[in-house]
PDB file of N, CA and C in Angstrom:
ATOM      1  N   MET A   1      -0.996 -19.818  30.833  1.00  0.00           N
ATOM      2  CA  MET A   1      -2.425 -19.805  29.607  1.00  0.00           C
ATOM      3  C   MET A   1      -1.678 -18.003  29.562  1.00  0.00           C
ATOM      4  N   LYS A   2      -1.482 -17.940  27.829  1.00  0.00           N
ATOM      5  CA  LYS A   2      -1.323 -16.724  27.540  1.00  0.00           C
ATOM      6  C   LYS A   2      -2.451 -15.781  27.487  1.00  0.00           C
ATOM      7  N   LYS A   3      -1.877 -14.340  28.081  1.00  0.00           N
ATOM      8  CA  LYS A   3      -3.034 -12.985  28.149  1.00  0.00           C
ATOM      9  C   LYS A   3      -3.853 -13.224  26.510  1.00  0.00           C
ATOM     10  N   LYS A   4      -5.356 -12.891  26.756  1.00  0.00           N
ATOM     11  CA  LYS A   4      -5.521 -12.233  25.052  1.00  0.00           C
ATOM     12  C   LYS A   4      -5.219 -11.374  25.057  1.00  0.00           C
ATOM     13  N   SER A   5      -4.600 -10.694  23.536  1.00  0.00           N
ATOM     14  CA  SER A   5      -4.255  -9.252  23.515  1.00  0.00           C
ATOM     15  C   SER A   5      -5.758  -8.791  22.870  1.00  0.00           C
ATOM     16  N   LEU A   6      -5.788  -7.563  23.368  1.00  0.00           N
ATOM     17  CA  LEU A   6      -7.195  -6.338  22.940  1.00  0.00           C
ATOM     18  C   LEU A   6      -7.006  -6.098  21.445  1.00  0.00           C
ATOM     19  N   ILE A   7      -8.105  -6.033  20.792  1.00  0.00           N
ATOM     20  CA  ILE A   7      -8.159  -5.215  19.606  1.00  0.00           C
ATOM     21  C   ILE A   7      -9.126  -3.704  19.704  1.00  0.00           C
ATOM     22  N   TYR A   8      -8.535  -3.309  18.464  1.00  0.00           N
ATOM     23  CA  TYR A   8      -9.435  -2.193  18.339  1.00  0.00           C
ATOM     24  C   TYR A   8     -10.993  -2.491  18.341  1.00  0.00           C
ATOM     25  N   SER A   9     -11.650  -3.352  17.761  1.00  0.00           N
ATOM     26  CA  SER A   9     -13.077  -3.836  17.296  1.00  0.00           C
ATOM     27  C   SER A   9     -13.481  -4.134  18.475  1.00  0.00           C
ATOM     28  N   GLU A  10     -13.062  -4.481  19.561  1.00  0.00           N
ATOM     29  CA  GLU A  10     -13.500  -4.735  21.184  1.00  0.00           C
ATOM     30  C   GLU A  10     -13.996  -3.678  21.547  1.00  0.00           C
ATOM     31  N   LEU A  11     -13.409  -2.242  21.298  1.00  0.00           N
ATOM     32  CA  LEU A  11     -14.107  -0.933  22.118  1.00  0.00           C
ATOM     33  C   LEU A  11     -15.069  -0.250  21.402  1.00  0.00           C
ATOM     34  N   SER A  12     -16.025   0.529  21.818  1.00  0.00           N
ATOM     35  CA  SER A  12     -16.817   1.109  21.529  1.00  0.00           C
ATOM     36  C   SER A  12     -16.418   2.188  20.424  1.00  0.00           C
ATOM     37  N   ASN A  13     -17.267   2.817  19.780  1.00  0.00           N
ATOM     38  CA  ASN A  13     -16.390   4.053  19.365  1.00  0.00           C
ATOM     39  C   ASN A  13     -16.345   4.896  20.421  1.00  0.00           C
ATOM     40  N   LYS A  14     -17.015   5.324  21.313  1.00  0.00           N
ATOM     41  CA  LYS A  14     -16.859   6.200  22.258  1.00  0.00           C
ATOM     42  C   LYS A  14     -15.264   5.821  23.187  1.00  0.00           C
ATOM     43  N   GLN A  15     -15.347   4.842  23.066  1.00  0.00           N
ATOM     44  CA  GLN A  15     -13.898   4.205  24.181  1.00  0.00           C
ATOM     45  C   GLN A  15     -13.041   4.063  22.988  1.00  0.00           C
ATOM     46  N   LEU A  16     -12.740   4.215  21.784  1.00  0.00           N
ATOM     47  CA  LEU A  16     -11.597   4.317  20.957  1.00  0.00           C
ATOM     48  C   LEU A  16     -11.240   6.081  20.676  1.00  0.00           C
ATOM     49  N   ASP A  17     -12.275   6.660  20.741  1.00  0.00           N
ATOM     50  CA  ASP A  17     -12.406   8.334  20.462  1.00  0.00           C
ATOM     51  C   ASP A  17     -11.269   8.741  21.944  1.00  0.00           C
ATOM     52  N   VAL A  18     -11.891   8.149  23.331  1.00  0.00           N
ATOM     53  CA  VAL A  18     -11.245   8.296  24.184  1.00  0.00           C
ATOM     54  C   VAL A  18      -9.625   7.776  24.457  1.00  0.00           C
ATOM     55  N   LEU A  19      -9.123   6.492  24.029  1.00  0.00           N
ATOM     56  CA  LEU A  19      -8.236   6.203  24.023  1.00  0.00           C
ATOM     57  C   LEU A  19      -7.247   6.879  22.646  1.00  0.00           C
ATOM     58  N   LYS A  20      -7.958   7.263  21.699  1.00  0.00           N
ATOM     59  CA  LYS A  20      -7.314   8.106  20.510  1.00  0.00           C
ATOM     60  C   LYS A  20      -6.673   9.531  21.325  1.00  0.00           C
ATOM     61  N   GLU A  21      -7.756  10.217  21.910  1.00  0.00           N
ATOM     62  CA  GLU A  21      -7.312  11.585  22.662  1.00  0.00           C
ATOM     63  C   GLU A  21      -6.340  11.653  23.577  1.00  0.00           C
ATOM     64  N   LEU A  22      -6.111  10.566  24.211  1.00  0.00           N
ATOM     65  CA  LEU A  22      -5.736  10.039  25.483  1.00  0.00           C
ATOM     66  C   LEU A  22      -4.046   9.610  24.444  1.00  0.00           C
ATOM     67  N   TYR A  23      -3.556   9.520  24.031  1.00  0.00           N
ATOM     68  CA  TYR A  23      -2.703   8.693  22.906  1.00  0.00           C
ATOM     69  C   TYR A  23      -2.056  10.100  22.630  1.00  0.00           C
ATOM     70  N   ILE A  24      -2.876  11.241  21.858  1.00  0.00           N
ATOM     71  CA  ILE A  24      -2.668  12.382  20.934  1.00  0.00           C
ATOM     72  C   ILE A  24      -1.754  12.925  22.215  1.00  0.00           C
ATOM     73  N   ASN A  25      -2.884  13.111  23.084  1.00  0.00           N
ATOM     74  CA  ASN A  25      -2.205  14.606  24.675  1.00  0.00           C
ATOM     75  C   ASN A  25      -0.834  14.032  24.914  1.00  0.00           C
ATOM     76  N   LYS A  26      -1.066  12.873  25.480  1.00  0.00           N
ATOM     77  CA  LYS A  26       0.899  12.329  25.554  1.00  0.00           C
ATOM     78  C   LYS A  26       1.690  11.969  24.627  1.00  0.00           C
ATOM     79  N   LYS A  27       1.393  12.110  23.922  1.00  0.00           N
ATOM     80  CA  LYS A  27       2.307  11.771  22.621  1.00  0.00           C
ATOM     81  C   LYS A  27       3.027  13.276  22.316  1.00  0.00           C
ATOM     82  N   VAL A  28       1.800  14.478  22.069  1.00  0.00           N
ATOM     83  CA  VAL A  28       2.438  15.578  22.076  1.00  0.00           C
ATOM     84  C   VAL A  28       2.971  16.380  23.407  1.00  0.00           C
ATOM     85  N   ASN A  29       2.955  16.202  24.468  1.00  0.00           N
ATOM     86  CA  ASN A  29       2.995  16.669  25.560  1.00  0.00           C
ATOM     87  C   ASN A  29       4.749  15.625  25.843  1.00  0.00           C
ATOM     88  N   ASN A  30       4.942  15.075  25.306  1.00  0.00           N
ATOM     89  CA  ASN A  30       6.372  13.935  25.445  1.00  0.00           C
ATOM     90  C   ASN A  30       7.465  14.652  24.456  1.00  0.00           C
ATOM     91  N   PHE A  31       7.316  15.220  23.496  1.00  0.00           N
ATOM     92  CA  PHE A  31       8.097  16.069  22.516  1.00  0.00           C
ATOM     93  C   PHE A  31       8.558  17.034  22.878  1.00  0.00           C
ATOM     94  N   SER A  32       9.794  16.833  22.700  1.00  0.00           N
ATOM     95  CA  SER A  32      10.801  18.480  23.188  1.00  0.00           C
ATOM     96  C   SER A  32      10.524  19.627  22.091  1.00  0.00           C
ATOM     97  N   GLU A  33      10.341  20.609  22.399  1.00  0.00           N
ATOM     98  CA  GLU A  33      10.389  21.559  21.044  1.00  0.00           C
ATOM     99  C   GLU A  33      10.612  21.253  19.779  1.00  0.00           C
ATOM    100  N   LYS A  34      12.231  21.033  19.614  1.00  0.00           N
ATOM    101  CA  LYS A  34      12.680  20.692  18.544  1.00  0.00           C
ATOM    102  C   LYS A  34      12.112  19.058  17.764  1.00  0.00           C
ATOM    103  N   GLU A  35      11.620  18.339  18.477  1.00  0.00           N
ATOM    104  CA  GLU A  35      10.714  17.153  17.684  1.00  0.00           C
ATOM    105  C   GLU A  35       9.647  17.820  17.518  1.00  0.00           C
ATOM    106  N   LEU A  36       8.643  18.237  18.267  1.00  0.00           N
ATOM    107  CA  LEU A  36       7.607  19.290  17.911  1.00  0.00           C
ATOM    108  C   LEU A  36       7.321  19.857  16.850  1.00  0.00           C
ATOM    109  N   ARG A  37       8.223  20.668  16.193  1.00  0.00           N
ATOM    110  CA  ARG A  37       8.951  21.787  15.811  1.00  0.00           C
ATOM    111  C   ARG A  37       9.016  20.367  14.341  1.00  0.00           C
ATOM    112  N   ASN A  38       9.729  19.974  14.197  1.00  0.00           N
ATOM    113  CA  ASN A  38      10.281  18.492  12.874  1.00  0.00           C
ATOM    114  C   ASN A  38       8.953  18.052  12.445  1.00  0.00           C
ATOM    115  N   PHE A  39       8.100  17.539  13.695  1.00  0.00           N
ATOM    116  CA  PHE A  39       7.175  17.026  13.106  1.00  0.00           C
ATOM    117  C   PHE A  39       5.865  17.949  12.671  1.00  0.00           C
ATOM    118  N   VAL A  40       5.812  18.792  13.177  1.00  0.00           N
ATOM    119  CA  VAL A  40       4.934  19.745  12.484  1.00  0.00           C
ATOM    120  C   VAL A  40       5.440  20.272  10.994  1.00  0.00           C
ATOM    121  N   ARG A  41       6.614  20.659  10.795  1.00  0.00           N
ATOM    122  CA  ARG A  41       7.169  20.702   9.643  1.00  0.00           C
ATOM    123  C   ARG A  41       6.815  19.456   8.639  1.00  0.00           C
ATOM    124  N   GLU A  42       6.903  18.146   9.194  1.00  0.00           N
ATOM    125  CA  GLU A  42       6.884  16.902   8.355  1.00  0.00           C
ATOM    126  C   GLU A  42       4.873  16.867   8.006  1.00  0.00           C
ATOM    127  N   ILE A  43       4.833  17.144   8.824  1.00  0.00           N
ATOM    128  CA  ILE A  43       3.197  17.187   8.343  1.00  0.00           C
ATOM    129  C   ILE A  43       2.636  18.266   7.485  1.00  0.00           C
ATOM    130  N   ILE A  44       3.104  19.946   7.329  1.00  0.00           N
ATOM    131  CA  ILE A  44       2.855  20.542   6.645  1.00  0.00           C
ATOM    132  C   ILE A  44       3.404  20.352   5.048  1.00  0.00           C
ATOM    133  N   THR A  45       5.010  19.668   5.461  1.00  0.00           N
ATOM    134  CA  THR A  45       5.053  19.424   3.974  1.00  0.00           C
ATOM    135  C   THR A  45       4.596  18.398   3.461  1.00  0.00           C
ATOM    136  N   HIS A  46       4.124  17.562   4.081  1.00  0.00           N
ATOM    137  CA  HIS A  46       3.266  16.457   2.891  1.00  0.00           C
ATOM    138  C   HIS A  46       2.086  16.997   3.131  1.00  0.00           C
ATOM    139  N   GLN A  47       1.492  17.871   3.421  1.00  0.00           N
ATOM    140  CA  GLN A  47       0.079  18.366   3.365  1.00  0.00           C
ATOM    141  C   GLN A  47       0.299  19.561   2.293  1.00  0.00           C
ATOM    142  N   ILE A  48       1.119  19.947   1.766  1.00  0.00           N
ATOM    143  CA  ILE A  48       1.463  21.278   0.749  1.00  0.00           C
ATOM    144  C   ILE A  48       1.995  20.659  -0.393  1.00  0.00           C
ATOM    145  N   ARG A  49       3.353  19.710  -0.260  1.00  0.00           N
ATOM    146  CA  ARG A  49       3.689  19.366  -1.252  1.00  0.00           C
ATOM    147  C   ARG A  49       3.467  18.198  -1.759  1.00  0.00           C
ATOM    148  N   ASN A  50       2.986  17.303  -0.972  1.00  0.00           N
ATOM    149  CA  ASN A  50       2.293  15.534  -2.031  1.00  0.00           C
ATOM    150  C   ASN A  50       1.024  15.904  -1.983  1.00  0.00           C
ATOM    151  N   THR A  51       0.061  16.999  -2.919  1.00  0.00           N
ATOM    152  CA  THR A  51      -1.155  16.978  -3.350  1.00  0.00           C
ATOM    153  C   THR A  51      -1.605  16.009  -4.887  1.00  0.00           C
ATOM    154  N   ILE A  52      -2.617  15.282  -4.097  1.00  0.00           N
ATOM    155  CA  ILE A  52      -2.903  14.720  -5.611  1.00  0.00           C
ATOM    156  C   ILE A  52      -4.063  14.930  -6.152  1.00  0.00           C
ATOM    157  N   GLY A  53      -4.238  15.219  -7.280  1.00  0.00           N
ATOM    158  CA  GLY A  53      -5.401  16.302  -7.834  1.00  0.00           C
ATOM    159  C   GLY A  53      -5.798  17.496  -7.807  1.00  0.00           C
ATOM    160  N   LYS A  54      -6.555  18.034  -8.475  1.00  0.00           N
ATOM    161  CA  LYS A  54      -7.354  19.627  -7.964  1.00  0.00           C
ATOM    162  C   LYS A  54      -7.346  19.769  -6.982  1.00  0.00           C
ATOM    163  N   GLU A  55      -8.524  19.108  -6.591  1.00  0.00           N
ATOM    164  CA  GLU A  55      -9.020  19.597  -5.095  1.00  0.00           C
ATOM    165  C   GLU A  55      -8.160  19.850  -3.872  1.00  0.00           C
ATOM    166  N   GLU A  56      -6.958  18.905  -4.165  1.00  0.00           N
ATOM    167  CA  GLU A  56      -6.114  18.875  -3.031  1.00  0.00           C
ATOM    168  C   GLU A  56      -5.101  19.973  -3.246  1.00  0.00           C
ATOM    169  N   GLU A  57      -4.944  20.389  -4.389  1.00  0.00           N
ATOM    170  CA  GLU A  57      -3.972  21.628  -5.287  1.00  0.00           C
ATOM    171  C   GLU A  57      -4.572  22.877  -4.558  1.00  0.00           C
ATOM    172  N   ILE A  58      -5.973  22.724  -4.560  1.00  0.00           N
ATOM    173  CA  ILE A  58      -7.042  23.847  -4.796  1.00  0.00           C
ATOM    174  C   ILE A  58      -6.454  24.116  -3.311  1.00  0.00           C
ATOM    175  N   GLU A  59      -6.920  23.177  -2.378  1.00  0.00           N
ATOM    176  CA  GLU A  59      -6.796  23.295  -0.831  1.00  0.00           C
ATOM    177  C   GLU A  59      -5.348  23.917  -0.325  1.00  0.00           C
ATOM    178  N   ALA A  60      -4.299  23.147  -1.310  1.00  0.00           N
ATOM    179  CA  ALA A  60      -3.193  23.790  -0.286  1.00  0.00           C
ATOM    180  C   ALA A  60      -2.941  25.503  -1.045  1.00  0.00           C
ATOM    181  N   TRP A  61      -3.366  25.476  -2.317  1.00  0.00           N
ATOM    182  CA  TRP A  61      -3.263  26.818  -2.790  1.00  0.00           C
ATOM    183  C   TRP A  61      -3.976  28.190  -1.600  1.00  0.00           C
ATOM    184  N   GLU A  62      -5.270  27.639  -1.782  1.00  0.00           N
ATOM    185  CA  GLU A  62      -5.993  28.214  -0.428  1.00  0.00           C
ATOM    186  C   GLU A  62      -5.275  28.543   0.993  1.00  0.00           C
ATOM    187  N   GLU A  63      -4.887  27.359   1.262  1.00  0.00           N
ATOM    188  CA  GLU A  63      -4.120  27.403   3.046  1.00  0.00           C
ATOM    189  C   GLU A  63      -2.967  28.699   3.217  1.00  0.00           C
ATOM    190  N   MET A  64      -1.860  28.486   1.704  1.00  0.00           N
ATOM    191  CA  MET A  64      -1.041  29.466   1.596  1.00  0.00           C
ATOM    192  C   MET A  64      -1.108  31.000   1.099  1.00  0.00           C
ATOM    193  N   SER A  65      -2.709  30.919   0.626  1.00  0.00           N
ATOM    194  CA  SER A  65      -2.822  32.556   0.281  1.00  0.00           C
ATOM    195  C   SER A  65      -3.670  33.025   1.916  1.00  0.00           C
ATOM    196  N   GLU A  66      -4.550  32.189   2.566  1.00  0.00           N
ATOM    197  CA  GLU A  66      -4.660  32.696   4.091  1.00  0.00           C
ATOM    198  C   GLU A  66      -3.702  33.268   4.363  1.00  0.00           C
ATOM    199  N   PHE A  67      -2.557  32.239   4.829  1.00  0.00           N
ATOM    200  CA  PHE A  67      -1.162  32.714   5.258  1.00  0.00           C
ATOM    201  C   PHE A  67      -0.899  33.990   5.174  1.00  0.00           C
ATOM    202  N   PHE A  68      -0.538  33.478   3.561  1.00  0.00           N
ATOM    203  CA  PHE A  68       0.503  35.346   3.456  1.00  0.00           C
ATOM    204  C   PHE A  68      -0.365  36.140   3.011  1.00  0.00           C
ATOM    205  N   GLY A  69      -2.198  36.110   2.996  1.00  0.00           N
ATOM    206  CA  GLY A  69      -2.551  37.563   3.520  1.00  0.00           C
ATOM    207  C   GLY A  69      -2.253  38.396   1.996  1.00  0.00           C
ATOM    208  N   GLU A  70      -2.415  39.451   1.930  1.00  0.00           N
ATOM    209  CA  GLU A  70      -1.971  40.781   1.085  1.00  0.00           C
ATOM    210  C   GLU A  70      -0.766  40.400   0.202  1.00  0.00           C
ATOM    211  N   GLN A  71       0.325  40.055   0.972  1.00  0.00           N
ATOM    212  CA  GLN A  71       1.380  39.557   0.374  1.00  0.00           C
ATOM    213  C   GLN A  71       1.324  38.170  -0.754  1.00  0.00           C
ATOM    214  N   PHE A  72       0.400  37.701  -1.318  1.00  0.00           N
ATOM    215  CA  PHE A  72       0.699  36.270  -1.573  1.00  0.00           C
ATOM    216  C   PHE A  72       0.606  36.605  -3.285  1.00  0.00           C
ATOM    217  N   GLU A  73      -0.054  37.739  -3.601  1.00  0.00           N
ATOM    218  CA  GLU A  73       0.210  38.694  -5.147  1.00  0.00           C
ATOM    219  C   GLU A  73       1.375  38.451  -5.648  1.00  0.00           C
ATOM    220  N   GLN A  74       2.555  39.554  -4.382  1.00  0.00           N
ATOM    221  CA  GLN A  74       3.475  39.921  -4.783  1.00  0.00           C
ATOM    222  C   GLN A  74       4.371  38.474  -4.286  1.00  0.00           C
ATOM    223  N   ILE A  75       4.244  37.911  -3.898  1.00  0.00           N
ATOM    224  CA  ILE A  75       5.350  36.529  -3.908  1.00  0.00           C
ATOM    225  C   ILE A  75       4.990  35.872  -4.754  1.00  0.00           C
ATOM    226  N   ILE A  76       3.911  35.541  -5.272  1.00  0.00           N
ATOM    227  CA  ILE A  76       3.909  34.730  -7.072  1.00  0.00           C
ATOM    228  C   ILE A  76       4.460  35.342  -8.043  1.00  0.00           C
ATOM    229  N   LEU A  77       4.430  36.944  -7.966  1.00  0.00           N
ATOM    230  CA  LEU A  77       4.666  37.387  -9.265  1.00  0.00           C
ATOM    231  C   LEU A  77       6.540  37.581  -8.973  1.00  0.00           C
ATOM    232  N   GLU A  78       6.866  37.440  -7.849  1.00  0.00           N
ATOM    233  CA  GLU A  78       8.143  37.220  -7.378  1.00  0.00           C
ATOM    234  C   GLU A  78       8.852  35.991  -8.055  1.00  0.00           C
ATOM    235  N   ILE A  79       8.031  34.965  -7.471  1.00  0.00           N
ATOM    236  CA  ILE A  79       8.915  33.435  -8.021  1.00  0.00           C
ATOM    237  C   ILE A  79       8.759  33.273  -9.621  1.00  0.00           C
ATOM    238  N   GLN A  80       7.181  33.822 -10.158  1.00  0.00           N
ATOM    239  CA  GLN A  80       7.380  33.777 -11.568  1.00  0.00           C
ATOM    240  C   GLN A  80       8.536  34.501 -12.386  1.00  0.00           C
ATOM    241  N   ALA A  81       8.811  35.784 -11.709  1.00  0.00           N
ATOM    242  CA  ALA A  81       9.470  36.530 -12.299  1.00  0.00           C
ATOM    243  C   ALA A  81      11.562  35.590 -12.187  1.00  0.00           C
ATOM    244  N   LYS A  82      11.739  35.098 -11.392  1.00  0.00           N
ATOM    245  CA  LYS A  82      12.444  34.247 -11.197  1.00  0.00           C
ATOM    246  C   LYS A  82      12.861  33.148 -12.012  1.00  0.00           C
ATOM    247  N   PHE A  83      11.690  32.554 -12.216  1.00  0.00           N
ATOM    248  CA  PHE A  83      12.042  31.008 -12.530  1.00  0.00           C
ATOM    249  C   PHE A  83      11.295  30.855 -14.185  1.00  0.00           C
ATOM    250  N   GLN A  84      10.690  32.474 -14.456  1.00  0.00           N
ATOM    251  CA  GLN A  84       9.951  32.442 -15.586  1.00  0.00           C
ATOM    252  C   GLN A  84      10.019  31.577 -16.499  1.00  0.00           C
ATOM    253  N   ASP A  85      11.517  31.273 -17.013  1.00  0.00           N
ATOM    254  CA  ASP A  85      11.810  30.492 -18.269  1.00  0.00           C
ATOM    255  C   ASP A  85      12.345  29.205 -18.148  1.00  0.00           C
ATOM    256  N   ASN A  86      12.340  28.680 -17.144  1.00  0.00           N
ATOM    257  CA  ASN A  86      12.690  27.178 -16.497  1.00  0.00           C
ATOM    258  C   ASN A  86      11.038  26.157 -16.313  1.00  0.00           C
ATOM    259  N   GLU A  87       9.949  26.807 -16.315  1.00  0.00           N
ATOM    260  CA  GLU A  87       8.865  25.535 -15.980  1.00  0.00           C
ATOM    261  C   GLU A  87       7.735  26.258 -17.235  1.00  0.00           C
ATOM    262  N   ILE A  88       6.625  25.045 -17.211  1.00  0.00           N
ATOM    263  CA  ILE A  88       5.712  25.170 -17.771  1.00  0.00           C
ATOM    264  C   ILE A  88       4.523  25.421 -16.784  1.00  0.00           C
ATOM    265  N   PRO A  89       3.662  26.423 -17.449  1.00  0.00           N
ATOM    266  CA  PRO A  89       2.550  26.661 -16.130  1.00  0.00           C
ATOM    267  C   PRO A  89       1.560  25.432 -16.502  1.00  0.00           C
ATOM    268  N   GLN A  90       0.994  24.897 -15.064  1.00  0.00           N
ATOM    269  CA  GLN A  90       0.288  23.748 -14.941  1.00  0.00           C
ATOM    270  C   GLN A  90      -0.809  23.540 -15.706  1.00  0.00           C
ATOM    271  N   ASN A  91      -1.407  24.614 -16.319  1.00  0.00           N
ATOM    272  CA  ASN A  91      -3.094  24.540 -17.329  1.00  0.00           C
ATOM    273  C   ASN A  91      -2.370  24.247 -18.292  1.00  0.00           C
ATOM    274  N   VAL A  92      -0.912  24.518 -19.030  1.00  0.00           N
ATOM    275  CA  VAL A  92      -0.289  24.095 -20.402  1.00  0.00           C
ATOM    276  C   VAL A  92       0.572  22.690 -20.432  1.00  0.00           C
ATOM    277  N   GLN A  93       0.180  21.788 -19.181  1.00  0.00           N
ATOM    278  CA  GLN A  93       0.914  20.825 -18.486  1.00  0.00           C
ATOM    279  C   GLN A  93      -0.172  20.130 -18.738  1.00  0.00           C
ATOM    280  N   GLU A  94      -1.079  20.029 -18.356  1.00  0.00           N
ATOM    281  CA  GLU A  94      -2.494  19.322 -18.085  1.00  0.00           C
ATOM    282  C   GLU A  94      -3.010  19.672 -19.516  1.00  0.00           C
ATOM    283  N   ASN A  95      -3.182  20.562 -20.633  1.00  0.00           N
ATOM    284  CA  ASN A  95      -3.524  20.445 -21.937  1.00  0.00           C
ATOM    285  C   ASN A  95      -2.615  19.251 -22.650  1.00  0.00           C
ATOM    286  N   ASN A  96      -1.884  19.903 -22.628  1.00  0.00           N
ATOM    287  CA  ASN A  96      -0.767  18.607 -23.209  1.00  0.00           C
ATOM    288  C   ASN A  96      -0.872  17.421 -23.087  1.00  0.00           C
ATOM    289  N   GLN A  97      -1.096  17.235 -21.585  1.00  0.00           N
ATOM    290  CA  GLN A  97      -1.064  15.842 -21.250  1.00  0.00           C
ATOM    291  C   GLN A  97      -2.640  15.349 -21.712  1.00  0.00           C
ATOM    292  N   ARG A  98      -3.764  16.106 -21.528  1.00  0.00           N
ATOM    293  CA  ARG A  98      -4.792  15.772 -22.089  1.00  0.00           C
ATOM    294  C   ARG A  98      -4.861  15.322 -23.793  1.00  0.00           C
ATOM    295  N   ASP A  99      -4.172  16.312 -24.443  1.00  0.00           N
ATOM    296  CA  ASP A  99      -4.248  16.519 -25.826  1.00  0.00           C
ATOM    297  C   ASP A  99      -3.472  14.861 -26.066  1.00  0.00           C
ATOM    298  N   ARG A 100      -2.606  14.715 -25.438  1.00  0.00           N
ATOM    299  CA  ARG A 100      -1.830  12.943 -25.658  1.00  0.00           C
ATOM    300  C   ARG A 100      -2.562  12.273 -25.377  1.00  0.00           C
ATOM    301  N   LEU A 101      -3.633  11.806 -24.293  1.00  0.00           N
ATOM    302  CA  LEU A 101      -4.326  10.872 -24.168  1.00  0.00           C
ATOM    303  C   LEU A 101      -5.501  11.074 -24.610  1.00  0.00           C
ATOM    304  N   ASP A 102      -5.781  11.905 -25.785  1.00  0.00           N
ATOM    305  CA  ASP A 102      -6.767  11.587 -26.233  1.00  0.00           C
ATOM    306  C   ASP A 102      -6.366  11.224 -27.429  1.00  0.00           C
ATOM    307  N   LEU A 103      -4.977  11.879 -28.010  1.00  0.00           N
ATOM    308  CA  LEU A 103      -4.168  10.719 -29.324  1.00  0.00           C
ATOM    309  C   LEU A 103      -4.372   9.339 -29.142  1.00  0.00           C
ATOM    310  N   LEU A 104      -3.765   9.338 -27.915  1.00  0.00           N
ATOM    311  CA  LEU A 104      -3.856   7.704 -27.698  1.00  0.00           C
ATOM    312  C   LEU A 104      -5.047   6.945 -27.627  1.00  0.00           C
ATOM    313  N   GLU A 105      -6.235   7.117 -26.854  1.00  0.00           N
ATOM    314  CA  GLU A 105      -7.349   6.531 -27.076  1.00  0.00           C
ATOM    315  C   GLU A 105      -8.006   6.800 -28.188  1.00  0.00           C
ATOM    316  N   LYS A 106      -7.533   7.724 -29.558  1.00  0.00           N
ATOM    317  CA  LYS A 106      -8.047   8.268 -30.655  1.00  0.00           C
ATOM    318  C   LYS A 106      -7.396   6.539 -31.369  1.00  0.00           C
ATOM    319  N   ASN A 107      -5.872   6.254 -31.439  1.00  0.00           N
ATOM    320  CA  ASN A 107      -5.504   5.151 -31.598  1.00  0.00           C
ATOM    321  C   ASN A 107      -5.355   3.791 -31.170  1.00  0.00           C
ATOM    322  N   ASN A 108      -6.264   4.060 -30.086  1.00  0.00           N
ATOM    323  CA  ASN A 108      -6.218   2.427 -29.412  1.00  0.00           C
ATOM    324  C   ASN A 108      -7.831   2.049 -30.216  1.00  0.00           C
ATOM    325  N   ILE A 109      -8.607   2.985 -30.221  1.00  0.00           N
ATOM    326  CA  ILE A 109     -10.023   2.683 -30.844  1.00  0.00           C
ATOM    327  C   ILE A 109      -9.667   2.337 -32.387  1.00  0.00           C
ATOM    328  N   ALA A 110      -9.298   3.281 -32.815  1.00  0.00           N
ATOM    329  CA  ALA A 110      -8.370   2.683 -34.649  1.00  0.00           C
ATOM    330  C   ALA A 110      -7.944   1.589 -34.502  1.00  0.00           C
ATOM    331  N   GLN A 111      -7.184   1.120 -33.817  1.00  0.00           N
ATOM    332  CA  GLN A 111      -6.276  -0.340 -33.627  1.00  0.00           C
ATOM    333  C   GLN A 111      -7.711  -1.283 -33.379  1.00  0.00           C
ATOM    334  N   GLU A 112      -8.573  -1.253 -32.196  1.00  0.00           N
ATOM    335  CA  GLU A 112      -9.341  -1.924 -32.121  1.00  0.00           C
ATOM    336  C   GLU A 112     -10.050  -2.560 -33.288  1.00  0.00           C
ATOM    337  N   LYS A 113     -10.695  -1.155 -34.005  1.00  0.00           N
ATOM    338  CA  LYS A 113     -11.344  -1.562 -35.144  1.00  0.00           C
ATOM    339  C   LYS A 113     -10.750  -2.122 -36.414  1.00  0.00           C
ATOM    340  N   LYS A 114      -9.694  -2.261 -36.363  1.00  0.00           N
ATOM    341  CA  LYS A 114      -8.432  -2.674 -37.545  1.00  0.00           C
ATOM    342  C   LYS A 114      -8.472  -4.305 -37.200  1.00  0.00           C
ATOM    343  N   ASP A 115      -7.934  -4.337 -35.674  1.00  0.00           N
ATOM    344  CA  ASP A 115      -8.083  -5.778 -35.443  1.00  0.00           C
ATOM    345  C   ASP A 115      -9.069  -6.819 -35.480  1.00  0.00           C
ATOM    346  N   MET A 116     -10.287  -5.881 -35.354  1.00  0.00           N
ATOM    347  CA  MET A 116     -11.598  -6.890 -35.796  1.00  0.00           C
ATOM    348  C   MET A 116     -11.725  -7.569 -36.570  1.00  0.00           C
ATOM    349  N   TRP A 117     -11.613  -6.964 -37.840  1.00  0.00           N
ATOM    350  CA  TRP A 117     -11.584  -7.375 -39.198  1.00  0.00           C
ATOM    351  C   TRP A 117     -10.612  -8.164 -39.441  1.00  0.00           C
ATOM    352  N   GLU A 118      -9.309  -8.410 -38.762  1.00  0.00           N
ATOM    353  CA  GLU A 118      -8.218  -9.641 -39.102  1.00  0.00           C
ATOM    354  C   GLU A 118      -8.151 -10.824 -38.745  1.00  0.00           C
ATOM    355  N   ASP A 119      -9.117 -11.324 -38.661  1.00  0.00           N
ATOM    356  CA  ASP A 119      -9.653 -12.781 -38.499  1.00  0.00           C
ATOM    357  C   ASP A 119      -8.947 -13.478 -39.544  1.00  0.00           C
TER     358      ASP A 119
END
């Protein structure tokens, strides 16, 4: 007779939390220093680069600001000077995108009105 596999829903929340904590501790303790650095780099990269929406972008901005402290403004100014002609600022991109979406929406409404009378 085959032994029944356990599933997470058979554990209480407390039991599941203890299991997760045990896993985290054992996993971290088994990493070499190089593996740990790579893992942390991957997590931070995902956290900072893969932001979605304004809220996450603001969180990433605040985290970077806190990390760099008083140097943050100077770092930004240096980056802006280095790449001033290459990129369009975020607020300009957002305004252009919003304008295009508004125009598409107006065109769709106009098309719907026109189609309504074409029977």
